[in-house]
């Protein structure tokens, strides 16, 4: 009897361990996602805690703004031009069926100002800036340059992370505004010059439908998305490990995560902005 009890206890313990391991594996994706989100939030809080503290290295901010803003300008303008052109082209063909092609200027302006401008600009930044930041910081991590900064009493979060996320939040709205301007130029060329639309109706409906509020929504989104893209790139680059392969993995994760985050955030930010700025008010 004693022998059978001693055999039953290990079997019961192993069964309990198997159940617990199964539960842990089942919830592993959720817990992993929460840990990652928490890591991003913690990194952002640590960075902003340094914002009012000295030393203030203006050169690092200027360099980050130049890389994110001026460096991304050609691709953003190119995408903005053809986005406006193709949006106007599709709109003219569809609205002419119902005789509403005169509102193309307004509808194109609203879609670019509030949605297409901030989202596509941020996706371009995710592919260029997010990947670049993750690669740069990841290389510094595996080559122990970040450890060297710490040994010289230079906080790497203040020196490397904070300028990049501040630059992302400041420069992205500017890029969104330029995207909107060049996009409307492309829409005008297609709708009026190529498709023979009425110039006066195009401009009039643009003025009626696209007001300061619509442009403001796009700029707010650009600020949030730019901050998110830069923060995600910094997070994966700062925490990279495993040599060159680890840097590649960090870069891939940064691009994928920032792109998905922009699309997910767009829905929730749009809901909030529609409450703050109701349509028709």
C-alpha atoms as a PDB file:
ATOM      1  CA  UNK A   1       0.000   0.000   0.000  1.00  0.00           C
ATOM      2  CA  UNK A   2       2.791   2.393   0.918  1.00  0.00           C
ATOM      3  CA  UNK A   3       4.561   1.598  -2.345  1.00  0.00           C
ATOM      4  CA  UNK A   4       1.455   2.351  -4.393  1.00  0.00           C
ATOM      5  CA  UNK A   5       0.949   5.705  -2.591  1.00  0.00           C
ATOM      6  CA  UNK A   6       4.557   6.701  -3.276  1.00  0.00           C
ATOM      7  CA  UNK A   7       4.103   5.870  -6.957  1.00  0.00           C
ATOM      8  CA  UNK A   8       0.783   7.773  -7.176  1.00  0.00           C
ATOM      9  CA  UNK A   9       2.244  10.999  -5.796  1.00  0.00           C
ATOM     10  CA  UNK A  10       4.881  11.470  -8.533  1.00  0.00           C
ATOM     11  CA  UNK A  11       2.310  10.634 -11.197  1.00  0.00           C
ATOM     12  CA  UNK A  12      -0.091  13.240  -9.777  1.00  0.00           C
ATOM     13  CA  UNK A  13       2.737  15.793  -9.581  1.00  0.00           C
ATOM     14  CA  UNK A  14       3.804  15.165 -13.160  1.00  0.00           C
ATOM     15  CA  UNK A  15       0.194  15.470 -14.336  1.00  0.00           C
ATOM     16  CA  UNK A  16      -0.141  18.810 -12.531  1.00  0.00           C
ATOM     17  CA  UNK A  17       3.105  20.023 -14.048  1.00  0.00           C
ATOM     18  CA  UNK A  18       1.942  18.997 -17.511  1.00  0.00           C
ATOM     19  CA  UNK A  19      -1.324  20.896 -17.067  1.00  0.00           C
ATOM     20  CA  UNK A  20       0.464  23.996 -15.819  1.00  0.00           C
ATOM     21  CA  UNK A  21       2.923  23.845 -18.721  1.00  0.00           C
ATOM     22  CA  UNK A  22       0.050  23.509 -21.180  1.00  0.00           C
ATOM     23  CA  UNK A  23      -1.713  26.534 -19.674  1.00  0.00           C
ATOM     24  CA  UNK A  24       1.536  28.515 -19.772  1.00  0.00           C
ATOM     25  CA  UNK A  25       2.106  27.711 -23.433  1.00  0.00           C
ATOM     26  CA  UNK A  26      -1.513  28.523 -24.288  1.00  0.00           C
ATOM     27  CA  UNK A  27      -1.216  32.004 -22.778  1.00  0.00           C
ATOM     28  CA  UNK A  28       2.390  32.571 -23.903  1.00  0.00           C
ATOM     29  CA  UNK A  29       1.461  34.786 -26.909  1.00  0.00           C
ATOM     30  CA  UNK A  30      -0.716  37.034 -24.739  1.00  0.00           C
ATOM     31  CA  UNK A  31       1.833  37.336 -21.947  1.00  0.00           C
ATOM     32  CA  UNK A  32       4.609  37.928 -24.478  1.00  0.00           C
ATOM     33  CA  UNK A  33       2.628  40.729 -26.101  1.00  0.00           C
ATOM     34  CA  UNK A  34       1.946  42.330 -22.710  1.00  0.00           C
ATOM     35  CA  UNK A  35       5.629  42.144 -21.819  1.00  0.00           C
ATOM     36  CA  UNK A  36       6.572  43.766 -25.129  1.00  0.00           C
ATOM     37  CA  UNK A  37       4.008  46.557 -24.747  1.00  0.00           C
ATOM     38  CA  UNK A  38       5.195  47.108 -21.185  1.00  0.00           C
ATOM     39  CA  UNK A  39       8.787  47.284 -22.382  1.00  0.00           C
ATOM     40  CA  UNK A  40       7.883  49.958 -24.936  1.00  0.00           C
ATOM     41  CA  UNK A  41       5.990  52.001 -22.352  1.00  0.00           C
ATOM     42  CA  UNK A  42       8.834  51.712 -19.846  1.00  0.00           C
ATOM     43  CA  UNK A  43      11.417  52.790 -22.427  1.00  0.00           C
ATOM     44  CA  UNK A  44       9.293  55.779 -23.420  1.00  0.00           C
ATOM     45  CA  UNK A  45       8.832  56.846 -19.784  1.00  0.00           C
ATOM     46  CA  UNK A  46      12.549  56.516 -19.086  1.00  0.00           C
ATOM     47  CA  UNK A  47      13.321  58.629 -22.146  1.00  0.00           C
ATOM     48  CA  UNK A  48      10.873  61.419 -21.294  1.00  0.00           C
ATOM     49  CA  UNK A  49      12.112  61.468 -17.705  1.00  0.00           C
ATOM     50  CA  UNK A  50      15.359  62.830 -19.169  1.00  0.00           C
ATOM     51  CA  UNK A  51      13.637  65.558 -21.198  1.00  0.00           C
ATOM     52  CA  UNK A  52      13.883  68.379 -18.606  1.00  0.00           C
ATOM     53  CA  UNK A  53      17.260  67.261 -17.288  1.00  0.00           C
ATOM     54  CA  UNK A  54      20.713  68.356 -18.348  1.00  0.00           C
ATOM     55  CA  UNK A  55      22.871  68.016 -20.332  1.00  0.00           C
ATOM     56  CA  UNK A  56      20.808  69.062 -23.335  1.00  0.00           C
ATOM     57  CA  UNK A  57      22.665  67.955 -26.456  1.00  0.00           C
ATOM     58  CA  UNK A  58      21.030  69.998 -29.217  1.00  0.00           C
ATOM     59  CA  UNK A  59      23.178  68.404 -31.895  1.00  0.00           C
ATOM     60  CA  UNK A  60      21.658  64.961 -31.355  1.00  0.00           C
ATOM     61  CA  UNK A  61      18.150  66.374 -31.839  1.00  0.00           C
ATOM     62  CA  UNK A  62      19.098  68.238 -35.001  1.00  0.00           C
ATOM     63  CA  UNK A  63      20.782  65.155 -36.429  1.00  0.00           C
ATOM     64  CA  UNK A  64      17.737  62.988 -35.670  1.00  0.00           C
ATOM     65  CA  UNK A  65      15.361  65.558 -37.191  1.00  0.00           C
ATOM     66  CA  UNK A  66      17.467  65.761 -40.335  1.00  0.00           C
ATOM     67  CA  UNK A  67      17.522  61.979 -40.682  1.00  0.00           C
ATOM     68  CA  UNK A  68      13.792  61.506 -40.069  1.00  0.00           C
ATOM     69  CA  UNK A  69      12.495  64.646 -41.764  1.00  0.00           C
ATOM     70  CA  UNK A  70      14.769  65.730 -44.597  1.00  0.00           C
ATOM     71  CA  UNK A  71      15.973  62.205 -45.345  1.00  0.00           C
ATOM     72  CA  UNK A  72      12.409  60.917 -45.745  1.00  0.00           C
ATOM     73  CA  UNK A  73      11.223  63.853 -47.855  1.00  0.00           C
ATOM     74  CA  UNK A  74      11.770  62.375 -51.369  1.00  0.00           C
ATOM     75  CA  UNK A  75       9.903  59.126 -50.733  1.00  0.00           C
ATOM     76  CA  UNK A  76       7.075  60.895 -48.882  1.00  0.00           C
ATOM     77  CA  UNK A  77       6.577  63.446 -51.670  1.00  0.00           C
ATOM     78  CA  UNK A  78       6.674  60.746 -54.358  1.00  0.00           C
ATOM     79  CA  UNK A  79       4.113  58.595 -52.558  1.00  0.00           C
ATOM     80  CA  UNK A  80       1.982  61.669 -51.816  1.00  0.00           C
ATOM     81  CA  UNK A  81       1.933  62.765 -55.462  1.00  0.00           C
ATOM     82  CA  UNK A  82       0.794  59.417 -56.834  1.00  0.00           C
ATOM     83  CA  UNK A  83      -1.619  58.833 -53.945  1.00  0.00           C
ATOM     84  CA  UNK A  84      -3.413  62.056 -54.817  1.00  0.00           C
ATOM     85  CA  UNK A  85      -3.370  61.218 -58.509  1.00  0.00           C
ATOM     86  CA  UNK A  86      -4.766  57.706 -58.178  1.00  0.00           C
ATOM     87  CA  UNK A  87      -7.365  58.780 -55.592  1.00  0.00           C
ATOM     88  CA  UNK A  88      -8.640  61.504 -57.904  1.00  0.00           C
ATOM     89  CA  UNK A  89      -8.589  59.146 -60.897  1.00  0.00           C
ATOM     90  CA  UNK A  90     -10.720  56.552 -59.122  1.00  0.00           C
ATOM     91  CA  UNK A  91     -13.044  59.188 -57.657  1.00  0.00           C
ATOM     92  CA  UNK A  92     -13.730  60.865 -60.993  1.00  0.00           C
ATOM     93  CA  UNK A  93     -14.614  57.567 -62.691  1.00  0.00           C
ATOM     94  CA  UNK A  94     -16.943  56.513 -59.869  1.00  0.00           C
ATOM     95  CA  UNK A  95     -18.622  59.873 -59.187  1.00  0.00           C
ATOM     96  CA  UNK A  96     -19.291  60.556 -62.876  1.00  0.00           C
ATOM     97  CA  UNK A  97     -21.653  57.593 -62.909  1.00  0.00           C
ATOM     98  CA  UNK A  98     -23.912  59.485 -60.501  1.00  0.00           C
ATOM     99  CA  UNK A  99     -23.094  62.977 -61.747  1.00  0.00           C
ATOM    100  CA  UNK A 100     -21.149  63.956 -58.636  1.00  0.00           C
ATOM    101  CA  UNK A 101     -17.701  64.377 -60.140  1.00  0.00           C
ATOM    102  CA  UNK A 102     -17.688  68.023 -59.028  1.00  0.00           C
ATOM    103  CA  UNK A 103     -17.031  66.946 -55.399  1.00  0.00           C
ATOM    104  CA  UNK A 104     -13.787  65.144 -56.230  1.00  0.00           C
ATOM    105  CA  UNK A 105     -11.694  67.991 -54.837  1.00  0.00           C
ATOM    106  CA  UNK A 106     -13.432  67.853 -51.473  1.00  0.00           C
ATOM    107  CA  UNK A 107     -13.561  64.089 -51.047  1.00  0.00           C
ATOM    108  CA  UNK A 108      -9.963  63.642 -52.122  1.00  0.00           C
ATOM    109  CA  UNK A 109      -8.855  66.409 -49.772  1.00  0.00           C
ATOM    110  CA  UNK A 110     -10.654  64.910 -46.772  1.00  0.00           C
ATOM    111  CA  UNK A 111      -9.335  61.405 -47.411  1.00  0.00           C
ATOM    112  CA  UNK A 112      -5.738  62.584 -47.809  1.00  0.00           C
ATOM    113  CA  UNK A 113      -5.803  65.083 -44.948  1.00  0.00           C
ATOM    114  CA  UNK A 114      -7.372  62.836 -42.311  1.00  0.00           C
ATOM    115  CA  UNK A 115      -6.420  59.293 -43.362  1.00  0.00           C
ATOM    116  CA  UNK A 116      -4.175  58.602 -46.321  1.00  0.00           C
ATOM    117  CA  UNK A 117      -1.654  61.320 -45.487  1.00  0.00           C
ATOM    118  CA  UNK A 118      -0.776  60.324 -41.909  1.00  0.00           C
ATOM    119  CA  UNK A 119      -1.112  56.573 -42.456  1.00  0.00           C
ATOM    120  CA  UNK A 120       0.929  56.283 -45.656  1.00  0.00           C
ATOM    121  CA  UNK A 121       3.549  58.733 -44.404  1.00  0.00           C
ATOM    122  CA  UNK A 122       3.951  56.709 -41.212  1.00  0.00           C
ATOM    123  CA  UNK A 123       4.180  53.433 -43.144  1.00  0.00           C
ATOM    124  CA  UNK A 124       6.945  54.930 -45.265  1.00  0.00           C
ATOM    125  CA  UNK A 125       8.726  55.996 -42.087  1.00  0.00           C
ATOM    126  CA  UNK A 126       8.276  52.519 -40.626  1.00  0.00           C
ATOM    127  CA  UNK A 127      10.113  51.032 -43.583  1.00  0.00           C
ATOM    128  CA  UNK A 128      12.861  53.636 -43.652  1.00  0.00           C
ATOM    129  CA  UNK A 129      13.235  55.260 -40.243  1.00  0.00           C
ATOM    130  CA  UNK A 130      12.080  52.354 -38.078  1.00  0.00           C
ATOM    131  CA  UNK A 131      14.440  49.958 -39.821  1.00  0.00           C
ATOM    132  CA  UNK A 132      17.300  52.471 -39.776  1.00  0.00           C
ATOM    133  CA  UNK A 133      16.977  53.209 -36.071  1.00  0.00           C
ATOM    134  CA  UNK A 134      16.725  49.530 -35.146  1.00  0.00           C
ATOM    135  CA  UNK A 135      19.775  48.668 -37.258  1.00  0.00           C
ATOM    136  CA  UNK A 136      21.845  51.543 -35.909  1.00  0.00           C
ATOM    137  CA  UNK A 137      21.077  50.930 -32.235  1.00  0.00           C
ATOM    138  CA  UNK A 138      21.281  47.163 -32.670  1.00  0.00           C
ATOM    139  CA  UNK A 139      24.744  47.452 -34.170  1.00  0.00           C
ATOM    140  CA  UNK A 140      25.794  49.707 -31.315  1.00  0.00           C
ATOM    141  CA  UNK A 141      24.437  47.180 -28.826  1.00  0.00           C
ATOM    142  CA  UNK A 142      26.220  44.117 -30.184  1.00  0.00           C
ATOM    143  CA  UNK A 143      29.458  46.061 -30.722  1.00  0.00           C
ATOM    144  CA  UNK A 144      29.272  47.198 -27.065  1.00  0.00           C
ATOM    145  CA  UNK A 145      29.184  50.892 -27.955  1.00  0.00           C
ATOM    146  CA  UNK A 146      26.153  51.334 -25.701  1.00  0.00           C
ATOM    147  CA  UNK A 147      28.050  49.703 -22.850  1.00  0.00           C
ATOM    148  CA  UNK A 148      30.919  52.099 -23.554  1.00  0.00           C
ATOM    149  CA  UNK A 149      28.562  55.075 -23.217  1.00  0.00           C
ATOM    150  CA  UNK A 150      27.431  53.804 -19.824  1.00  0.00           C
ATOM    151  CA  UNK A 151      31.047  53.383 -18.719  1.00  0.00           C
ATOM    152  CA  UNK A 152      31.621  57.056 -19.596  1.00  0.00           C
ATOM    153  CA  UNK A 153      28.635  58.099 -17.440  1.00  0.00           C
ATOM    154  CA  UNK A 154      26.523  58.938 -20.509  1.00  0.00           C
ATOM    155  CA  UNK A 155      22.992  57.608 -20.240  1.00  0.00           C
ATOM    156  CA  UNK A 156      22.287  55.815 -23.553  1.00  0.00           C
ATOM    157  CA  UNK A 157      18.539  56.392 -23.290  1.00  0.00           C
ATOM    158  CA  UNK A 158      19.032  60.151 -23.027  1.00  0.00           C
ATOM    159  CA  UNK A 159      21.718  60.201 -25.714  1.00  0.00           C
ATOM    160  CA  UNK A 160      20.290  57.718 -28.229  1.00  0.00           C
ATOM    161  CA  UNK A 161      16.577  57.153 -27.609  1.00  0.00           C
ATOM    162  CA  UNK A 162      15.135  60.505 -26.532  1.00  0.00           C
ATOM    163  CA  UNK A 163      16.332  62.572 -29.556  1.00  0.00           C
ATOM    164  CA  UNK A 164      14.924  60.005 -31.969  1.00  0.00           C
ATOM    165  CA  UNK A 165      11.450  59.747 -30.472  1.00  0.00           C
ATOM    166  CA  UNK A 166      11.198  63.527 -30.088  1.00  0.00           C
ATOM    167  CA  UNK A 167      12.297  63.991 -33.699  1.00  0.00           C
ATOM    168  CA  UNK A 168       9.768  61.385 -34.828  1.00  0.00           C
ATOM    169  CA  UNK A 169       6.928  63.162 -33.032  1.00  0.00           C
ATOM    170  CA  UNK A 170       7.930  66.588 -34.383  1.00  0.00           C
ATOM    171  CA  UNK A 171       8.930  65.831 -37.963  1.00  0.00           C
ATOM    172  CA  UNK A 172       6.170  63.419 -38.962  1.00  0.00           C
ATOM    173  CA  UNK A 173       3.368  66.050 -38.855  1.00  0.00           C
ATOM    174  CA  UNK A 174       5.468  68.254 -41.142  1.00  0.00           C
ATOM    175  CA  UNK A 175       5.880  65.365 -43.566  1.00  0.00           C
ATOM    176  CA  UNK A 176       2.137  64.674 -43.355  1.00  0.00           C
ATOM    177  CA  UNK A 177       1.385  68.296 -44.256  1.00  0.00           C
ATOM    178  CA  UNK A 178       3.754  68.157 -47.241  1.00  0.00           C
ATOM    179  CA  UNK A 179       2.186  64.839 -48.276  1.00  0.00           C
ATOM    180  CA  UNK A 180      -1.218  66.557 -48.228  1.00  0.00           C
ATOM    181  CA  UNK A 181      -0.048  69.534 -50.283  1.00  0.00           C
ATOM    182  CA  UNK A 182       1.692  67.491 -52.985  1.00  0.00           C
ATOM    183  CA  UNK A 183      -1.164  64.967 -52.978  1.00  0.00           C
ATOM    184  CA  UNK A 184      -3.734  67.669 -53.686  1.00  0.00           C
ATOM    185  CA  UNK A 185      -1.494  68.987 -56.452  1.00  0.00           C
ATOM    186  CA  UNK A 186      -1.520  65.545 -58.049  1.00  0.00           C
ATOM    187  CA  UNK A 187      -5.289  65.281 -57.603  1.00  0.00           C
ATOM    188  CA  UNK A 188      -5.766  68.634 -59.335  1.00  0.00           C
ATOM    189  CA  UNK A 189      -3.603  67.584 -62.275  1.00  0.00           C
ATOM    190  CA  UNK A 190      -5.639  64.414 -62.817  1.00  0.00           C
ATOM    191  CA  UNK A 191      -9.153  65.689 -62.055  1.00  0.00           C
ATOM    192  CA  UNK A 192      -8.920  69.044 -63.841  1.00  0.00           C
ATOM    193  CA  UNK A 193      -6.096  68.825 -66.379  1.00  0.00           C
ATOM    194  CA  UNK A 194      -6.337  65.192 -67.441  1.00  0.00           C
ATOM    195  CA  UNK A 195     -10.013  64.314 -66.849  1.00  0.00           C
ATOM    196  CA  UNK A 196     -11.437  67.713 -67.835  1.00  0.00           C
ATOM    197  CA  UNK A 197     -13.130  68.514 -64.554  1.00  0.00           C
ATOM    198  CA  UNK A 198     -14.315  71.993 -63.652  1.00  0.00           C
ATOM    199  CA  UNK A 199     -11.522  73.912 -61.915  1.00  0.00           C
ATOM    200  CA  UNK A 200     -13.874  76.206 -60.009  1.00  0.00           C
ATOM    201  CA  UNK A 201     -15.965  73.312 -58.669  1.00  0.00           C
ATOM    202  CA  UNK A 202     -12.821  71.418 -57.659  1.00  0.00           C
ATOM    203  CA  UNK A 203     -11.482  74.364 -55.649  1.00  0.00           C
ATOM    204  CA  UNK A 204     -14.874  75.359 -54.229  1.00  0.00           C
ATOM    205  CA  UNK A 205     -15.702  71.891 -52.904  1.00  0.00           C
ATOM    206  CA  UNK A 206     -12.188  71.551 -51.561  1.00  0.00           C
ATOM    207  CA  UNK A 207     -12.681  74.748 -49.540  1.00  0.00           C
ATOM    208  CA  UNK A 208     -16.118  73.641 -48.347  1.00  0.00           C
ATOM    209  CA  UNK A 209     -15.147  70.132 -47.219  1.00  0.00           C
ATOM    210  CA  UNK A 210     -11.512  70.459 -46.131  1.00  0.00           C
ATOM    211  CA  UNK A 211     -11.257  72.798 -43.167  1.00  0.00           C
ATOM    212  CA  UNK A 212      -8.714  73.382 -40.430  1.00  0.00           C
ATOM    213  CA  UNK A 213     -10.184  70.573 -38.317  1.00  0.00           C
ATOM    214  CA  UNK A 214      -9.555  67.906 -40.965  1.00  0.00           C
ATOM    215  CA  UNK A 215      -5.956  69.009 -41.402  1.00  0.00           C
ATOM    216  CA  UNK A 216      -5.500  69.121 -37.621  1.00  0.00           C
ATOM    217  CA  UNK A 217      -6.698  65.522 -37.327  1.00  0.00           C
ATOM    218  CA  UNK A 218      -4.027  64.434 -39.773  1.00  0.00           C
ATOM    219  CA  UNK A 219      -1.314  66.368 -37.944  1.00  0.00           C
ATOM    220  CA  UNK A 220      -2.313  64.856 -34.585  1.00  0.00           C
ATOM    221  CA  UNK A 221      -2.212  61.392 -36.093  1.00  0.00           C
ATOM    222  CA  UNK A 222       1.164  62.120 -37.636  1.00  0.00           C
ATOM    223  CA  UNK A 223       2.572  63.149 -34.258  1.00  0.00           C
ATOM    224  CA  UNK A 224       1.295  59.972 -32.572  1.00  0.00           C
ATOM    225  CA  UNK A 225       2.357  57.660 -35.390  1.00  0.00           C
ATOM    226  CA  UNK A 226       5.800  59.238 -35.728  1.00  0.00           C
ATOM    227  CA  UNK A 227       6.414  58.852 -32.014  1.00  0.00           C
ATOM    228  CA  UNK A 228       5.268  55.216 -32.184  1.00  0.00           C
ATOM    229  CA  UNK A 229       7.481  54.323 -35.149  1.00  0.00           C
ATOM    230  CA  UNK A 230      10.572  55.882 -33.577  1.00  0.00           C
ATOM    231  CA  UNK A 231       9.900  54.303 -30.166  1.00  0.00           C
ATOM    232  CA  UNK A 232       9.446  50.824 -31.632  1.00  0.00           C
ATOM    233  CA  UNK A 233      12.626  51.144 -33.674  1.00  0.00           C
ATOM    234  CA  UNK A 234      14.542  52.275 -30.572  1.00  0.00           C
ATOM    235  CA  UNK A 235      13.110  49.468 -28.450  1.00  0.00           C
ATOM    236  CA  UNK A 236      14.084  46.625 -30.757  1.00  0.00           C
ATOM    237  CA  UNK A 237      17.452  48.125 -31.584  1.00  0.00           C
ATOM    238  CA  UNK A 238      18.300  48.908 -27.960  1.00  0.00           C
ATOM    239  CA  UNK A 239      17.417  45.361 -26.870  1.00  0.00           C
ATOM    240  CA  UNK A 240      19.042  43.532 -29.800  1.00  0.00           C
ATOM    241  CA  UNK A 241      21.267  40.540 -29.079  1.00  0.00           C
ATOM    242  CA  UNK A 242      22.846  37.620 -30.882  1.00  0.00           C
ATOM    243  CA  UNK A 243      25.298  39.252 -33.270  1.00  0.00           C
ATOM    244  CA  UNK A 244      24.519  40.227 -36.837  1.00  0.00           C
ATOM    245  CA  UNK A 245      21.583  37.829 -37.056  1.00  0.00           C
ATOM    246  CA  UNK A 246      20.091  39.427 -33.964  1.00  0.00           C
ATOM    247  CA  UNK A 247      20.327  42.868 -35.567  1.00  0.00           C
ATOM    248  CA  UNK A 248      18.513  41.563 -38.637  1.00  0.00           C
ATOM    249  CA  UNK A 249      15.764  40.057 -36.490  1.00  0.00           C
ATOM    250  CA  UNK A 250      15.429  43.293 -34.515  1.00  0.00           C
ATOM    251  CA  UNK A 251      15.145  45.304 -37.737  1.00  0.00           C
ATOM    252  CA  UNK A 252      12.484  42.991 -39.140  1.00  0.00           C
ATOM    253  CA  UNK A 253      10.489  43.122 -35.901  1.00  0.00           C
ATOM    254  CA  UNK A 254      10.733  46.910 -35.825  1.00  0.00           C
ATOM    255  CA  UNK A 255       9.347  47.305 -39.352  1.00  0.00           C
ATOM    256  CA  UNK A 256       6.541  44.763 -38.922  1.00  0.00           C
ATOM    257  CA  UNK A 257       5.521  45.922 -35.452  1.00  0.00           C
ATOM    258  CA  UNK A 258       5.556  49.622 -36.305  1.00  0.00           C
ATOM    259  CA  UNK A 259       3.565  49.074 -39.519  1.00  0.00           C
ATOM    260  CA  UNK A 260       0.900  47.038 -37.748  1.00  0.00           C
ATOM    261  CA  UNK A 261       0.837  49.470 -34.821  1.00  0.00           C
ATOM    262  CA  UNK A 262       0.182  52.403 -37.143  1.00  0.00           C
ATOM    263  CA  UNK A 263      -2.822  50.655 -38.693  1.00  0.00           C
ATOM    264  CA  UNK A 264      -4.221  49.545 -35.336  1.00  0.00           C
ATOM    265  CA  UNK A 265      -3.678  52.923 -33.711  1.00  0.00           C
ATOM    266  CA  UNK A 266      -5.305  54.656 -36.677  1.00  0.00           C
ATOM    267  CA  UNK A 267      -8.672  53.120 -35.812  1.00  0.00           C
ATOM    268  CA  UNK A 268      -8.587  54.038 -32.128  1.00  0.00           C
ATOM    269  CA  UNK A 269      -7.144  57.514 -32.689  1.00  0.00           C
ATOM    270  CA  UNK A 270      -9.811  58.162 -35.339  1.00  0.00           C
ATOM    271  CA  UNK A 271     -12.550  57.192 -32.884  1.00  0.00           C
ATOM    272  CA  UNK A 272     -11.163  59.576 -30.268  1.00  0.00           C
ATOM    273  CA  UNK A 273     -10.758  62.426 -32.763  1.00  0.00           C
ATOM    274  CA  UNK A 274     -14.316  61.971 -34.036  1.00  0.00           C
ATOM    275  CA  UNK A 275     -15.520  62.447 -30.465  1.00  0.00           C
ATOM    276  CA  UNK A 276     -13.326  65.513 -29.929  1.00  0.00           C
ATOM    277  CA  UNK A 277     -14.030  66.971 -33.394  1.00  0.00           C
ATOM    278  CA  UNK A 278     -17.525  65.763 -34.402  1.00  0.00           C
ATOM    279  CA  UNK A 279     -18.366  65.814 -38.094  1.00  0.00           C
ATOM    280  CA  UNK A 280     -20.404  68.878 -39.010  1.00  0.00           C
ATOM    281  CA  UNK A 281     -19.281  70.987 -36.037  1.00  0.00           C
END
